[in-house]
Amino acid sequence: MYIIINNNSIFLSIISDSVPFIPNVSKLSQKIGINRTTLLTYLNYLHESKLTTNLYSSSTGISLLQKPEKLYLENTNLAYALGSNVDIGNLRETFFLNQLTHSHSLTLPADSDFRIDQTWSVEVGGKNKNLPDISLTDHYIAADGIEIGLGKKIPLWLFGYLY
């Protein structure tokens, strides 16, 4: 499925090739030929139609006119259907985000990939991913490629049970 903006621009396909898409609203709106407010409205429509998941830096004061920090496709199947370059790191993050957004609030913190309910920070990665050297009590790893968790490293597949 494609969302077409201004005749021949295929916006959703652009997002799928560079997910997580970090939108530069000014440049993108200029390139597409629409104003900033209209572009933000389109991004909101993509989110409401469950084609994308818009991730914001904070959960307070989110409005239609606030720029999302990152855009993810709503699920991993869309990445394969729309994208030519499917990145494993992107698939991991998309899966994690998809499984948790139904019952939790996720935001984009400065120190990790995701912040769940303004309480836990989570890094998503492969089996060799490690926590930063700093000791944070609410910092965890969602690791792909492991069957059993240990300490603060949780298997990514377990988050599938939260859906």
C-alpha atoms as a PDB file:
ATOM      1  CA  MET A   1       0.000   0.000   0.000  1.00  0.00           C
ATOM      2  CA  TYR A   2       1.321   3.432  -0.890  1.00  0.00           C
ATOM      3  CA  ILE A   3       0.334   6.858   0.314  1.00  0.00           C
ATOM      4  CA  ILE A   4       0.699   9.245  -2.615  1.00  0.00           C
ATOM      5  CA  ILE A   5       1.356  12.912  -1.948  1.00  0.00           C
ATOM      6  CA  ASN A   6       1.438  15.515  -4.736  1.00  0.00           C
ATOM      7  CA  ASN A   7       1.063  13.349  -7.816  1.00  0.00           C
ATOM      8  CA  ASN A   8       3.990  10.928  -8.076  1.00  0.00           C
ATOM      9  CA  SER A   9       5.716  11.118  -4.688  1.00  0.00           C
ATOM     10  CA  ILE A  10       5.535   7.794  -2.866  1.00  0.00           C
ATOM     11  CA  PHE A  11       5.987   8.857   0.713  1.00  0.00           C
ATOM     12  CA  LEU A  12       5.416   5.571   2.521  1.00  0.00           C
ATOM     13  CA  SER A  13       7.953   3.859   0.313  1.00  0.00           C
ATOM     14  CA  ILE A  14      10.529   6.498   1.251  1.00  0.00           C
ATOM     15  CA  ILE A  15       9.822   5.884   4.929  1.00  0.00           C
ATOM     16  CA  SER A  16      10.121   2.116   4.512  1.00  0.00           C
ATOM     17  CA  ASP A  17      13.555   2.357   2.903  1.00  0.00           C
ATOM     18  CA  SER A  18      14.999   4.439   5.733  1.00  0.00           C
ATOM     19  CA  VAL A  19      13.183   3.255   8.836  1.00  0.00           C
ATOM     20  CA  PRO A  20      13.585   4.339  11.555  1.00  0.00           C
ATOM     21  CA  PHE A  21      12.903   7.452   9.575  1.00  0.00           C
ATOM     22  CA  ILE A  22      14.104  10.638  11.264  1.00  0.00           C
ATOM     23  CA  PRO A  23      11.982  13.305   9.603  1.00  0.00           C
ATOM     24  CA  ASN A  24      13.414  16.676   8.695  1.00  0.00           C
ATOM     25  CA  VAL A  25      10.019  18.299   8.327  1.00  0.00           C
ATOM     26  CA  SER A  26      11.255  21.513   6.718  1.00  0.00           C
ATOM     27  CA  LYS A  27      13.316  19.809   4.004  1.00  0.00           C
ATOM     28  CA  LEU A  28      10.738  17.093   3.409  1.00  0.00           C
ATOM     29  CA  SER A  29       7.828  19.496   3.079  1.00  0.00           C
ATOM     30  CA  GLN A  30       9.861  21.643   0.690  1.00  0.00           C
ATOM     31  CA  LYS A  31      10.876  18.628  -1.395  1.00  0.00           C
ATOM     32  CA  ILE A  32       7.311  17.324  -1.605  1.00  0.00           C
ATOM     33  CA  GLY A  33       5.903  20.796  -2.227  1.00  0.00           C
ATOM     34  CA  ILE A  34       3.546  21.133   0.738  1.00  0.00           C
ATOM     35  CA  ASN A  35       3.662  23.240   3.866  1.00  0.00           C
ATOM     36  CA  ARG A  36       4.934  22.014   7.228  1.00  0.00           C
ATOM     37  CA  THR A  37       1.512  21.783   8.866  1.00  0.00           C
ATOM     38  CA  THR A  38       0.122  19.654   6.036  1.00  0.00           C
ATOM     39  CA  LEU A  39       3.099  17.294   6.236  1.00  0.00           C
ATOM     40  CA  LEU A  40       2.667  16.895  10.001  1.00  0.00           C
ATOM     41  CA  THR A  41      -1.017  16.186   9.387  1.00  0.00           C
ATOM     42  CA  TYR A  42      -0.086  13.483   6.850  1.00  0.00           C
ATOM     43  CA  LEU A  43       2.360  11.942   9.331  1.00  0.00           C
ATOM     44  CA  ASN A  44      -0.415  11.883  11.920  1.00  0.00           C
ATOM     45  CA  TYR A  45      -2.781  10.236   9.388  1.00  0.00           C
ATOM     46  CA  LEU A  46      -0.195   7.533   8.697  1.00  0.00           C
ATOM     47  CA  HIS A  47       0.016   6.888  12.446  1.00  0.00           C
ATOM     48  CA  GLU A  48      -3.764   6.841  12.924  1.00  0.00           C
ATOM     49  CA  SER A  49      -4.210   4.446   9.996  1.00  0.00           C
ATOM     50  CA  LYS A  50      -1.710   2.045  11.640  1.00  0.00           C
ATOM     51  CA  LEU A  51       0.808   2.255   8.802  1.00  0.00           C
ATOM     52  CA  THR A  52       3.455   3.939  10.918  1.00  0.00           C
ATOM     53  CA  THR A  53       4.243   4.367  14.586  1.00  0.00           C
ATOM     54  CA  ASN A  54       5.390   7.881  15.431  1.00  0.00           C
ATOM     55  CA  LEU A  55       7.838   8.084  18.320  1.00  0.00           C
ATOM     56  CA  TYR A  56       8.103  11.351  20.240  1.00  0.00           C
ATOM     57  CA  SER A  57      10.779  12.526  22.655  1.00  0.00           C
ATOM     58  CA  SER A  58       8.307  13.044  25.493  1.00  0.00           C
ATOM     59  CA  SER A  59       4.815  11.840  26.226  1.00  0.00           C
ATOM     60  CA  THR A  60       3.532  15.149  27.542  1.00  0.00           C
ATOM     61  CA  GLY A  61       2.123  17.778  25.246  1.00  0.00           C
ATOM     62  CA  ILE A  62       2.048  15.688  22.073  1.00  0.00           C
ATOM     63  CA  SER A  63      -0.029  17.548  19.568  1.00  0.00           C
ATOM     64  CA  LEU A  64      -0.704  17.366  15.886  1.00  0.00           C
ATOM     65  CA  LEU A  65       1.833  20.125  15.259  1.00  0.00           C
ATOM     66  CA  GLN A  66       4.713  18.458  17.117  1.00  0.00           C
ATOM     67  CA  LYS A  67       7.278  16.726  14.954  1.00  0.00           C
ATOM     68  CA  PRO A  68       7.830  13.035  15.685  1.00  0.00           C
ATOM     69  CA  GLU A  69      11.471  12.251  16.431  1.00  0.00           C
ATOM     70  CA  LYS A  70      11.360   8.914  14.584  1.00  0.00           C
ATOM     71  CA  LEU A  71       8.898   7.100  12.357  1.00  0.00           C
ATOM     72  CA  TYR A  72       8.727   3.319  12.283  1.00  0.00           C
ATOM     73  CA  LEU A  73       6.557   1.152  10.108  1.00  0.00           C
ATOM     74  CA  GLU A  74       3.730  -0.274  12.200  1.00  0.00           C
ATOM     75  CA  ASN A  75       4.918  -3.870  11.838  1.00  0.00           C
ATOM     76  CA  THR A  76       7.740  -5.886  10.330  1.00  0.00           C
ATOM     77  CA  ASN A  77       5.603  -7.272   7.498  1.00  0.00           C
ATOM     78  CA  LEU A  78       5.295  -3.786   6.028  1.00  0.00           C
ATOM     79  CA  ALA A  79       9.079  -3.528   5.896  1.00  0.00           C
ATOM     80  CA  TYR A  80       9.279  -6.603   3.678  1.00  0.00           C
ATOM     81  CA  ALA A  81       6.308  -5.521   1.547  1.00  0.00           C
ATOM     82  CA  LEU A  82       7.515  -1.974   0.896  1.00  0.00           C
ATOM     83  CA  GLY A  83      11.241  -1.874   1.396  1.00  0.00           C
ATOM     84  CA  SER A  84      14.026  -3.122  -0.758  1.00  0.00           C
ATOM     85  CA  ASN A  85      16.633  -2.909   2.024  1.00  0.00           C
ATOM     86  CA  VAL A  86      15.399  -4.656   5.152  1.00  0.00           C
ATOM     87  CA  ASP A  87      17.754  -3.980   8.061  1.00  0.00           C
ATOM     88  CA  ILE A  88      17.820  -6.499  10.931  1.00  0.00           C
ATOM     89  CA  GLY A  89      18.299  -3.763  13.541  1.00  0.00           C
ATOM     90  CA  ASN A  90      15.272  -1.939  12.208  1.00  0.00           C
ATOM     91  CA  LEU A  91      13.218  -5.147  12.279  1.00  0.00           C
ATOM     92  CA  ARG A  92      14.159  -5.718  15.918  1.00  0.00           C
ATOM     93  CA  GLU A  93      13.138  -2.210  16.942  1.00  0.00           C
ATOM     94  CA  THR A  94       9.942  -2.339  14.870  1.00  0.00           C
ATOM     95  CA  PHE A  95       8.959  -5.663  16.469  1.00  0.00           C
ATOM     96  CA  PHE A  96       9.643  -4.356  19.975  1.00  0.00           C
ATOM     97  CA  LEU A  97       7.712  -1.142  19.354  1.00  0.00           C
ATOM     98  CA  ASN A  98       4.793  -3.008  17.769  1.00  0.00           C
ATOM     99  CA  GLN A  99       4.454  -5.403  20.694  1.00  0.00           C
ATOM    100  CA  LEU A 100       4.510  -2.747  23.415  1.00  0.00           C
ATOM    101  CA  THR A 101       2.558   0.185  21.969  1.00  0.00           C
ATOM    102  CA  HIS A 102      -0.789  -1.565  22.431  1.00  0.00           C
ATOM    103  CA  SER A 103      -0.664  -1.379  26.209  1.00  0.00           C
ATOM    104  CA  HIS A 104       2.258   0.894  27.062  1.00  0.00           C
ATOM    105  CA  SER A 105       3.457   4.407  26.339  1.00  0.00           C
ATOM    106  CA  LEU A 106       6.805   4.492  24.519  1.00  0.00           C
ATOM    107  CA  THR A 107       8.962   7.554  24.032  1.00  0.00           C
ATOM    108  CA  LEU A 108      12.420   8.290  22.672  1.00  0.00           C
ATOM    109  CA  PRO A 109      14.908   9.010  25.482  1.00  0.00           C
ATOM    110  CA  ALA A 110      18.398  10.438  25.073  1.00  0.00           C
ATOM    111  CA  ASP A 111      20.164   7.460  26.686  1.00  0.00           C
ATOM    112  CA  SER A 112      18.570   4.403  25.002  1.00  0.00           C
ATOM    113  CA  ASP A 113      16.336   3.191  22.171  1.00  0.00           C
ATOM    114  CA  PHE A 114      13.007   3.324  24.027  1.00  0.00           C
ATOM    115  CA  ARG A 115      11.524   4.489  27.328  1.00  0.00           C
ATOM    116  CA  ILE A 116       8.505   2.487  28.515  1.00  0.00           C
ATOM    117  CA  ASP A 117       5.856   4.285  30.589  1.00  0.00           C
ATOM    118  CA  GLN A 118       8.444   6.896  31.634  1.00  0.00           C
ATOM    119  CA  THR A 119       9.979   4.194  33.861  1.00  0.00           C
ATOM    120  CA  TRP A 120      12.209   1.688  32.034  1.00  0.00           C
ATOM    121  CA  SER A 121      14.869   2.328  29.398  1.00  0.00           C
ATOM    122  CA  VAL A 122      15.421  -0.424  26.853  1.00  0.00           C
ATOM    123  CA  GLU A 123      18.165  -1.000  24.307  1.00  0.00           C
ATOM    124  CA  VAL A 124      17.192  -3.328  21.467  1.00  0.00           C
ATOM    125  CA  GLY A 125      19.899  -5.340  19.755  1.00  0.00           C
ATOM    126  CA  GLY A 126      21.507  -8.675  19.017  1.00  0.00           C
ATOM    127  CA  LYS A 127      22.861 -11.253  21.433  1.00  0.00           C
ATOM    128  CA  ASN A 128      26.172  -9.386  21.828  1.00  0.00           C
ATOM    129  CA  LYS A 129      24.537  -6.093  22.853  1.00  0.00           C
ATOM    130  CA  ASN A 130      25.686  -4.871  26.269  1.00  0.00           C
ATOM    131  CA  LEU A 131      24.540  -2.147  28.623  1.00  0.00           C
ATOM    132  CA  PRO A 132      26.604   1.031  28.876  1.00  0.00           C
ATOM    133  CA  ASP A 133      29.216   1.091  31.619  1.00  0.00           C
ATOM    134  CA  ILE A 134      27.100   3.366  33.772  1.00  0.00           C
ATOM    135  CA  SER A 135      24.950   1.604  36.357  1.00  0.00           C
ATOM    136  CA  LEU A 136      21.283   2.383  35.742  1.00  0.00           C
ATOM    137  CA  THR A 137      18.687   0.467  37.723  1.00  0.00           C
ATOM    138  CA  ASP A 138      15.928   0.916  35.137  1.00  0.00           C
ATOM    139  CA  HIS A 139      17.989   0.093  32.027  1.00  0.00           C
ATOM    140  CA  TYR A 140      17.468  -3.215  30.157  1.00  0.00           C
ATOM    141  CA  ILE A 141      18.423  -4.952  26.911  1.00  0.00           C
ATOM    142  CA  ALA A 142      15.933  -6.670  24.616  1.00  0.00           C
ATOM    143  CA  ALA A 143      18.279  -9.071  22.824  1.00  0.00           C
ATOM    144  CA  ASP A 144      17.564 -11.005  19.667  1.00  0.00           C
ATOM    145  CA  GLY A 145      19.205 -14.374  19.130  1.00  0.00           C
ATOM    146  CA  ILE A 146      19.055 -15.604  22.718  1.00  0.00           C
ATOM    147  CA  GLU A 147      16.643 -18.123  24.192  1.00  0.00           C
ATOM    148  CA  ILE A 148      17.072 -17.422  27.894  1.00  0.00           C
ATOM    149  CA  GLY A 149      17.577 -14.090  29.603  1.00  0.00           C
ATOM    150  CA  LEU A 150      20.088 -13.344  32.301  1.00  0.00           C
ATOM    151  CA  GLY A 151      20.204 -10.304  34.548  1.00  0.00           C
ATOM    152  CA  LYS A 152      19.062  -7.275  32.595  1.00  0.00           C
ATOM    153  CA  LYS A 153      19.195  -9.017  29.200  1.00  0.00           C
ATOM    154  CA  ILE A 154      15.724 -10.179  28.131  1.00  0.00           C
ATOM    155  CA  PRO A 155      15.088 -12.256  24.989  1.00  0.00           C
ATOM    156  CA  LEU A 156      13.384 -10.114  22.349  1.00  0.00           C
ATOM    157  CA  TRP A 157      10.900 -12.859  21.493  1.00  0.00           C
ATOM    158  CA  LEU A 158       9.432 -12.712  25.021  1.00  0.00           C
ATOM    159  CA  PHE A 159       8.041  -9.244  24.277  1.00  0.00           C
ATOM    160  CA  GLY A 160       5.760 -10.929  21.744  1.00  0.00           C
ATOM    161  CA  TYR A 161       3.677 -12.196  24.661  1.00  0.00           C
ATOM    162  CA  LEU A 162       2.778  -8.620  25.612  1.00  0.00           C
ATOM    163  CA  TYR A 163       0.697  -7.992  22.502  1.00  0.00           C
END
